[in-house]
Amino acid sequence: QVQLVESGGGLVQAGGSLRLSCAASGRTFSRYAMGWFRQAPGKEREFVAAISWNGGRTNYLGSLKGRFTISRDNTKNTVYLQMNGLKPEDTAVYYCAAERNYPDVTETRAVFYDYWGQGTQVTVSS
C-alpha cells in the first residue's frame, strides 16, 4: 500500500511557474512508475506526465512538452512536476499516481495506476 500526498498548488498568474510535489509513504516507492494527471471542471481526467522507477524514462502530454518537467527523488520518496509558462487552460486539480506492475513503463492511461493522491488545485489567472 502506498499513500500519496500532493502539495505545491496554488494561484498563479499566466506565465508564472509552480512546482508540485507528491510525497509517498512506504519503502517501495522506487519500485513504482509515477504519473501526474489533471482534471479541470467539467472535463475528464487527463494524462500530464509519467516517469519510470529510476527516472530513466519520461513521457508527456504532447502539448505540455517544453513547459512541464517531471522528475523524482527516490531518496526522498517524492515525485515532482515543474510547471513553467502556465496558462489559464492549465487550471485543474492535479493528481499524482503510482503504478506498481510495470515500473519501467511510462503509462498514460489512468486505469493502469494503482494508487492516487487527493489532488492539489492549480489555478492560473489571465
Protein backbone atom coordinates (compact mmCIF):
# COMPACT_ATOMS: atom_id res chain seq x y z
CA GLN A 1 0.00 0.00 0.00
CA VAL A 2 1.24 3.46 -0.92
CA GLN A 3 -0.18 6.74 0.26
CA LEU A 4 0.40 9.79 -1.89
CA VAL A 5 0.15 13.41 -0.79
CA GLU A 6 0.40 16.25 -3.28
CA SER A 7 1.43 19.79 -2.43
CA GLY A 8 2.56 22.95 -4.15
CA GLY A 9 -0.60 24.00 -5.88
CA GLY A 10 -2.00 27.49 -5.70
CA LEU A 11 -2.98 30.59 -7.59
CA VAL A 12 -0.53 31.97 -10.13
CA GLN A 13 -0.68 34.50 -12.94
CA ALA A 14 -0.38 33.41 -16.54
CA GLY A 15 3.26 32.96 -17.45
CA GLY A 16 4.22 32.01 -13.93
CA SER A 17 5.61 28.78 -12.54
CA LEU A 18 4.75 26.24 -9.90
CA ARG A 19 6.41 23.09 -8.70
CA LEU A 20 4.15 20.34 -7.48
CA SER A 21 5.41 17.66 -5.14
CA CYS A 22 3.99 14.27 -4.38
CA ALA A 23 5.29 12.55 -1.28
CA ALA A 24 4.83 8.82 -0.98
CA SER A 25 4.74 6.70 2.12
CA GLY A 26 6.38 3.32 2.41
CA ARG A 27 9.70 1.80 1.47
CA THR A 28 8.81 0.66 -2.02
CA PHE A 29 8.50 4.00 -3.77
CA SER A 30 11.41 3.24 -6.08
CA ARG A 31 9.54 0.19 -7.42
CA TYR A 32 6.74 2.29 -8.88
CA ALA A 33 6.35 4.23 -12.03
CA MET A 34 4.73 7.56 -11.22
CA GLY A 35 2.37 9.77 -13.11
CA TRP A 36 0.70 13.14 -12.94
CA PHE A 37 -2.84 13.70 -14.16
CA ARG A 38 -5.16 16.66 -14.06
CA GLN A 39 -8.86 17.28 -14.14
CA ALA A 40 -10.48 20.57 -15.00
CA PRO A 41 -14.11 21.33 -14.08
CA GLY A 42 -16.49 19.53 -16.39
CA LYS A 43 -13.70 17.62 -18.11
CA GLU A 44 -12.30 14.12 -17.89
CA ARG A 45 -9.09 13.34 -16.08
CA GLU A 46 -6.16 13.92 -18.42
CA PHE A 47 -2.67 12.49 -18.51
CA VAL A 48 0.05 15.06 -17.90
CA ALA A 49 3.36 13.24 -17.43
CA ALA A 50 4.88 9.99 -16.23
CA ILE A 51 8.27 8.78 -15.10
CA SER A 52 9.75 5.32 -14.73
CA TRP A 53 11.03 3.91 -11.47
CA ASN A 54 14.55 5.27 -11.84
CA GLY A 55 13.76 8.36 -13.87
CA GLY A 56 15.24 6.86 -16.98
CA ARG A 57 12.08 7.24 -19.00
CA THR A 58 9.66 10.13 -19.09
CA ASN A 59 6.54 10.79 -21.08
CA TYR A 60 4.44 13.89 -21.54
CA LEU A 61 1.18 15.02 -22.97
CA GLY A 62 2.38 16.39 -26.27
CA SER A 63 1.05 19.90 -25.79
CA LEU A 64 2.91 20.23 -22.50
CA LYS A 65 6.37 19.26 -23.68
CA GLY A 66 8.83 22.02 -23.07
CA ARG A 67 6.72 23.64 -20.35
CA PHE A 68 6.32 20.84 -17.83
CA THR A 69 9.05 18.61 -16.40
CA ILE A 70 8.55 15.51 -14.28
CA SER A 71 11.31 14.27 -12.00
CA ARG A 72 11.72 12.11 -8.93
CA ASP A 73 13.98 11.70 -5.95
CA ASN A 74 13.80 8.14 -4.68
CA THR A 75 15.84 9.04 -1.59
CA LYS A 76 13.01 11.38 -0.61
CA ASN A 77 10.12 9.24 -1.87
CA THR A 78 8.97 12.22 -3.88
CA VAL A 79 7.98 12.95 -7.46
CA TYR A 80 7.86 16.49 -8.80
CA LEU A 81 6.14 18.35 -11.58
CA GLN A 82 7.78 21.60 -12.57
CA MET A 83 5.33 23.76 -14.50
CA ASN A 84 6.55 26.81 -16.36
CA GLY A 85 4.80 29.25 -18.63
CA LEU A 86 1.47 28.44 -17.07
CA LYS A 87 -1.68 29.25 -19.00
CA PRO A 88 -5.28 29.65 -17.83
CA GLU A 89 -6.11 26.35 -19.55
CA ASP A 90 -3.71 24.60 -17.15
CA THR A 91 -6.17 25.32 -14.35
CA ALA A 92 -7.19 21.98 -12.84
CA VAL A 93 -6.81 19.69 -9.89
CA TYR A 94 -3.54 17.86 -10.29
CA TYR A 95 -3.18 14.29 -9.08
CA CYS A 96 -0.19 12.06 -8.71
CA ALA A 97 -0.49 8.32 -9.12
CA ALA A 98 1.66 5.23 -8.67
CA GLU A 99 1.80 2.20 -10.94
CA ARG A 100 3.31 -0.98 -9.45
CA ASN A 101 3.23 -3.62 -12.16
CA TYR A 102 5.37 -2.08 -14.89
CA PRO A 103 7.84 0.28 -13.22
CA ASP A 104 9.80 0.84 -16.40
CA VAL A 105 6.74 1.91 -18.39
CA THR A 106 5.51 5.48 -18.52
CA GLU A 107 1.82 4.70 -18.73
CA THR A 108 -0.56 7.37 -19.99
CA ARG A 109 -3.82 5.62 -19.10
CA ALA A 110 -5.23 6.35 -15.66
CA VAL A 111 -6.88 2.95 -15.34
CA PHE A 112 -3.49 1.27 -15.01
CA TYR A 113 -2.45 3.25 -11.95
CA ASP A 114 -2.95 1.60 -8.59
CA TYR A 115 -2.70 4.43 -6.07
CA TRP A 116 -3.82 8.03 -6.19
CA GLY A 117 -3.37 11.15 -4.14
CA GLN A 118 -6.14 13.54 -3.17
CA GLY A 119 -5.06 16.20 -5.61
CA THR A 120 -3.86 19.77 -5.41
CA GLN A 121 -5.59 22.74 -7.02
CA VAL A 122 -3.72 24.80 -9.59
CA THR A 123 -5.41 27.99 -10.72
CA VAL A 124 -3.88 30.18 -13.41
CA SER A 125 -5.32 33.66 -13.78
CA SER A 126 -5.21 35.57 -17.03
